[in-house]
């Protein structure tokens, strides 16, 4: 048999070998590029073309997904470094009048004798945000939620500016010589916990973060536990929830006692 006849379609062996090779190639392509990718349980593919692109190593273009609303209300306050920093004497005066209703829990001068937070000298943006969150339901409390429900936005701003105007008063537990726990100064990098002082003062101050010095240890501990359990969730971008979940019970207690002792 000549070479021309060997590779001729008239040669049945040549035709069969070519056909079998082509069939194997097509079957391999179907299995490797379509069937196997579609079998992957964790690979979300829209169809055959996506399967082929995935098998070939071509990245899928992101598809716009419908926004998933949270199962709970979130804070709608956008805090900026300039927020409520300008003192307005008229607003402070109105706030002083409105704050008379707050005195039973927060003290006549913004310093609580109970375990409610001290508001004297607190950043105005912080007080305003919390009042707004109580009003909208982003933060829930049996006392504060109904109290804030009927407050107008200007009322909340006035009260916040008034309390920011008042001087901070050291707590009865003040002890500035109490050494700062490591979680306050250096955090816990291996657990993604930044130093408390990087947001709450001493190292740096982050807009919207409250001043904690002189606050009741009972109150601070309760709030950290609430963040850790998820019962309080009005923190911006879940920052405090992510931190508190990683803290030990001992660290929470140390932080609470340390800040209570600060002026």
Protein backbone atom coordinates (compact mmCIF):
# COMPACT_ATOMS: atom_id res chain seq x y z
CA UNK A 1 0.00 0.00 0.00
CA UNK A 2 1.42 3.34 -1.05
CA UNK A 3 1.71 6.32 1.30
CA UNK A 4 -1.08 8.14 -0.52
CA UNK A 5 -3.40 5.20 -0.06
CA UNK A 6 -2.40 4.88 3.63
CA UNK A 7 -3.64 8.39 4.52
CA UNK A 8 -6.59 8.30 2.16
CA UNK A 9 -10.19 8.43 3.43
CA UNK A 10 -10.70 5.32 1.37
CA UNK A 11 -8.49 3.49 3.87
CA UNK A 12 -10.97 2.23 6.51
CA UNK A 13 -8.31 1.98 9.22
CA UNK A 14 -7.27 5.58 8.69
CA UNK A 15 -10.87 6.80 8.75
CA UNK A 16 -11.65 4.84 11.91
CA UNK A 17 -8.54 6.09 13.76
CA UNK A 18 -9.27 9.71 12.85
CA UNK A 19 -12.89 9.34 13.89
CA UNK A 20 -12.01 7.71 17.21
CA UNK A 21 -9.38 10.39 17.95
CA UNK A 22 -11.85 13.18 17.18
CA UNK A 23 -14.52 11.55 19.33
CA UNK A 24 -12.10 11.23 22.25
CA UNK A 25 -11.10 14.89 21.87
CA UNK A 26 -14.72 16.06 21.82
CA UNK A 27 -15.66 13.84 24.76
CA UNK A 28 -12.64 15.05 26.75
CA UNK A 29 -13.57 18.66 26.06
CA UNK A 30 -17.16 18.09 27.18
CA UNK A 31 -16.07 16.31 30.36
CA UNK A 32 -13.22 18.67 31.25
CA UNK A 33 -14.72 21.99 30.23
CA UNK A 34 -18.41 21.50 31.01
CA UNK A 35 -19.35 18.43 33.02
CA UNK A 36 -16.65 18.54 35.72
CA UNK A 37 -16.96 22.30 36.42
CA UNK A 38 -20.73 21.99 36.74
CA UNK A 39 -20.27 19.23 39.32
CA UNK A 40 -18.26 21.45 41.68
CA UNK A 41 -20.52 22.12 44.72
CA UNK A 42 -18.90 25.42 45.73
CA UNK A 43 -18.61 26.89 42.24
CA UNK A 44 -21.55 29.07 41.25
CA UNK A 45 -21.91 29.04 37.47
CA UNK A 46 -24.62 30.64 35.39
CA UNK A 47 -24.41 28.14 32.53
CA UNK A 48 -22.27 26.22 30.06
CA UNK A 49 -20.27 29.26 28.95
CA UNK A 50 -19.36 30.06 32.55
CA UNK A 51 -18.26 26.45 33.04
CA UNK A 52 -16.02 26.59 29.95
CA UNK A 53 -14.49 29.92 31.03
CA UNK A 54 -13.91 28.61 34.55
CA UNK A 55 -12.17 25.46 33.29
CA UNK A 56 -10.03 27.54 30.93
CA UNK A 57 -8.94 29.80 33.79
CA UNK A 58 -10.82 32.88 32.59
CA UNK A 59 -12.15 34.83 35.60
CA UNK A 60 -15.87 35.41 35.69
CA UNK A 61 -17.04 38.99 35.56
CA UNK A 62 -18.81 39.97 38.78
CA UNK A 63 -22.56 40.20 38.44
CA UNK A 64 -24.46 42.88 40.31
CA UNK A 65 -26.27 41.23 43.17
CA UNK A 66 -29.43 42.48 44.77
CA UNK A 67 -28.79 44.20 48.08
CA UNK A 68 -29.73 42.05 51.03
CA UNK A 69 -31.42 44.16 53.69
CA UNK A 70 -30.22 43.43 57.24
CA UNK A 71 -32.57 41.66 59.59
CA UNK A 72 -32.27 44.57 62.01
CA UNK A 73 -32.12 48.36 61.87
CA UNK A 74 -28.71 49.94 61.45
CA UNK A 75 -27.45 53.39 62.36
CA UNK A 76 -28.07 56.01 59.69
CA UNK A 77 -25.83 58.65 61.25
CA UNK A 78 -22.77 59.60 59.23
CA UNK A 79 -20.16 60.84 61.70
CA UNK A 80 -17.44 63.22 60.52
CA UNK A 81 -14.61 64.87 62.48
CA UNK A 82 -16.31 68.26 62.00
CA UNK A 83 -19.71 67.11 63.22
CA UNK A 84 -21.13 69.29 66.02
CA UNK A 85 -17.76 70.79 66.92
CA UNK A 86 -18.84 74.43 66.76
CA UNK A 87 -20.29 75.70 70.02
CA UNK A 88 -23.62 77.46 69.64
CA UNK A 89 -24.67 79.28 72.80
CA UNK A 90 -28.34 79.34 71.81
CA UNK A 91 -28.28 75.62 71.11
CA UNK A 92 -26.47 74.93 74.38
CA UNK A 93 -29.09 76.93 76.27
CA UNK A 94 -31.92 74.99 74.67
CA UNK A 95 -30.09 71.78 75.41
CA UNK A 96 -29.78 72.70 79.08
CA UNK A 97 -33.55 73.04 79.29
CA UNK A 98 -34.20 69.78 77.47
CA UNK A 99 -31.59 67.94 79.56
CA UNK A 100 -33.57 68.49 82.76
CA UNK A 101 -35.53 65.39 81.80
CA UNK A 102 -32.26 63.44 81.59
CA UNK A 103 -31.07 64.33 85.10
CA UNK A 104 -32.87 61.50 86.88
CA UNK A 105 -30.52 58.95 85.27
CA UNK A 106 -27.54 60.97 84.04
CA UNK A 107 -27.30 63.42 86.94
CA UNK A 108 -28.11 67.16 87.05
CA UNK A 109 -24.58 67.97 85.83
CA UNK A 110 -24.26 65.04 83.46
CA UNK A 111 -22.55 62.79 86.03
CA UNK A 112 -24.54 59.71 86.97
CA UNK A 113 -24.76 58.32 90.48
CA UNK A 114 -26.10 55.08 89.06
CA UNK A 115 -24.70 52.93 86.29
CA UNK A 116 -25.95 55.15 83.49
CA UNK A 117 -23.24 56.73 81.35
CA UNK A 118 -21.77 60.07 82.32
CA UNK A 119 -22.56 62.61 79.62
CA UNK A 120 -20.68 65.65 80.91
CA UNK A 121 -17.87 66.46 78.49
CA UNK A 122 -18.84 63.68 76.11
CA UNK A 123 -18.25 64.44 72.45
CA UNK A 124 -21.40 65.98 70.97
CA UNK A 125 -21.29 63.73 67.91
CA UNK A 126 -21.32 60.66 70.16
CA UNK A 127 -24.33 61.77 72.21
CA UNK A 128 -26.20 62.84 69.08
CA UNK A 129 -25.55 59.52 67.34
CA UNK A 130 -26.74 57.47 70.30
CA UNK A 131 -29.91 59.53 70.68
CA UNK A 132 -30.61 59.18 66.98
CA UNK A 133 -30.00 55.43 67.14
CA UNK A 134 -32.41 55.11 70.06
CA UNK A 135 -34.98 57.07 68.07
CA UNK A 136 -34.66 54.95 64.92
CA UNK A 137 -34.40 51.62 66.73
CA UNK A 138 -30.80 50.94 65.75
CA UNK A 139 -30.09 50.78 69.47
CA UNK A 140 -32.75 49.56 71.88
CA UNK A 141 -33.20 50.32 75.56
CA UNK A 142 -36.38 50.16 77.62
CA UNK A 143 -35.78 53.66 79.01
CA UNK A 144 -33.99 55.51 76.24
CA UNK A 145 -35.95 54.22 73.25
CA UNK A 146 -39.32 55.73 74.26
CA UNK A 147 -37.54 58.81 75.61
CA UNK A 148 -35.85 59.55 72.27
CA UNK A 149 -38.81 58.53 70.11
CA UNK A 150 -40.39 61.99 70.17
CA UNK A 151 -37.21 64.05 70.04
CA UNK A 152 -36.73 66.23 66.98
CA UNK A 153 -33.36 66.22 65.26
CA UNK A 154 -32.59 69.72 66.54
CA UNK A 155 -33.49 68.66 70.09
CA UNK A 156 -30.92 65.87 69.91
CA UNK A 157 -28.29 68.24 68.59
CA UNK A 158 -29.03 70.77 71.34
CA UNK A 159 -28.80 68.16 74.11
CA UNK A 160 -25.58 66.80 72.64
CA UNK A 161 -23.98 70.25 72.47
CA UNK A 162 -25.07 71.03 76.03
CA UNK A 163 -23.48 67.92 77.51
CA UNK A 164 -20.32 68.45 75.47
CA UNK A 165 -20.13 71.95 76.96
CA UNK A 166 -20.14 70.66 80.54
CA UNK A 167 -16.75 69.92 82.16
CA UNK A 168 -15.80 66.33 82.76
CA UNK A 169 -15.87 65.32 86.41
CA UNK A 170 -13.60 62.52 87.70
CA UNK A 171 -15.43 59.49 89.04
CA UNK A 172 -15.28 58.46 92.67
CA UNK A 173 -13.11 55.52 91.59
CA UNK A 174 -10.45 57.69 89.96
CA UNK A 175 -6.97 56.21 90.12
CA UNK A 176 -4.71 57.62 87.39
CA UNK A 177 -1.85 55.44 88.65
CA UNK A 178 -3.66 52.25 87.69
CA UNK A 179 -1.53 50.67 84.94
CA UNK A 180 -3.20 50.38 81.58
CA UNK A 181 -3.87 46.78 80.52
CA UNK A 182 -2.17 45.55 77.38
CA UNK A 183 -5.45 45.46 75.46
CA UNK A 184 -5.75 49.25 75.91
CA UNK A 185 -2.18 50.11 74.93
CA UNK A 186 -1.19 47.54 72.32
CA UNK A 187 -4.36 45.59 71.58
CA UNK A 188 -4.07 41.98 70.46
CA UNK A 189 -2.85 41.95 66.84
CA UNK A 190 -3.05 38.18 66.50
CA UNK A 191 -6.79 38.44 67.20
CA UNK A 192 -7.30 41.57 65.08
CA UNK A 193 -7.94 43.71 68.15
CA UNK A 194 -6.57 47.26 67.90
CA UNK A 195 -5.62 49.16 71.07
CA UNK A 196 -8.66 50.67 72.78
CA UNK A 197 -6.71 53.91 73.09
CA UNK A 198 -6.37 54.24 69.33
CA UNK A 199 -10.04 55.24 69.08
CA UNK A 200 -11.10 56.22 72.59
CA UNK A 201 -8.33 58.65 73.45
CA UNK A 202 -4.84 58.53 74.96
CA UNK A 203 -3.32 57.32 71.67
CA UNK A 204 -5.78 58.83 69.21
CA UNK A 205 -9.43 59.79 68.93
CA UNK A 206 -11.69 58.49 66.20
CA UNK A 207 -14.76 60.49 65.23
CA UNK A 208 -17.84 58.91 66.77
CA UNK A 209 -15.93 56.99 69.44
CA UNK A 210 -16.95 57.95 72.99
CA UNK A 211 -14.64 59.21 75.69
CA UNK A 212 -14.57 56.40 78.26
CA UNK A 213 -12.64 57.94 81.14
CA UNK A 214 -14.70 58.01 84.34
CA UNK A 215 -17.52 55.86 83.01
CA UNK A 216 -18.99 53.23 85.30
CA UNK A 217 -17.20 49.89 85.07
CA UNK A 218 -20.57 48.17 85.26
CA UNK A 219 -21.80 50.16 82.25
CA UNK A 220 -18.66 49.61 80.15
CA UNK A 221 -18.65 45.90 80.90
CA UNK A 222 -22.34 45.59 80.04
CA UNK A 223 -21.84 47.33 76.69
CA UNK A 224 -18.85 45.19 75.72
CA UNK A 225 -20.82 42.07 76.57
CA UNK A 226 -23.76 43.38 74.53
CA UNK A 227 -21.50 43.98 71.54
CA UNK A 228 -19.98 40.52 71.93
CA UNK A 229 -23.37 38.81 72.06
CA UNK A 230 -24.82 40.93 69.26
CA UNK A 231 -27.64 42.38 71.35
CA UNK A 232 -26.15 45.81 70.71
CA UNK A 233 -25.33 46.42 67.05
CA UNK A 234 -25.39 50.13 66.31
CA UNK A 235 -21.61 50.30 65.94
CA UNK A 236 -20.41 51.56 62.58
CA UNK A 237 -19.23 48.72 60.30
CA UNK A 238 -19.50 46.23 63.19
CA UNK A 239 -16.19 47.49 64.58
CA UNK A 240 -17.03 47.01 68.24
CA UNK A 241 -18.82 43.72 67.68
CA UNK A 242 -15.80 42.30 65.87
CA UNK A 243 -13.51 43.47 68.67
CA UNK A 244 -15.67 42.45 71.63
CA UNK A 245 -16.25 38.96 70.24
CA UNK A 246 -12.49 38.37 70.33
CA UNK A 247 -11.99 39.69 73.88
CA UNK A 248 -11.80 37.39 76.86
CA UNK A 249 -13.96 37.92 79.94
CA UNK A 250 -10.83 38.94 81.84
CA UNK A 251 -9.91 41.56 79.23
CA UNK A 252 -13.42 43.00 79.30
CA UNK A 253 -13.21 43.30 83.08
CA UNK A 254 -9.74 44.89 82.90
CA UNK A 255 -10.86 47.47 80.34
CA UNK A 256 -13.96 48.37 82.36
CA UNK A 257 -12.06 48.83 85.62
CA UNK A 258 -9.25 50.76 83.93
CA UNK A 259 -11.47 53.33 82.22
CA UNK A 260 -13.58 53.79 85.34
CA UNK A 261 -10.40 54.82 87.18
CA UNK A 262 -9.39 57.40 84.58
CA UNK A 263 -10.18 61.11 85.02
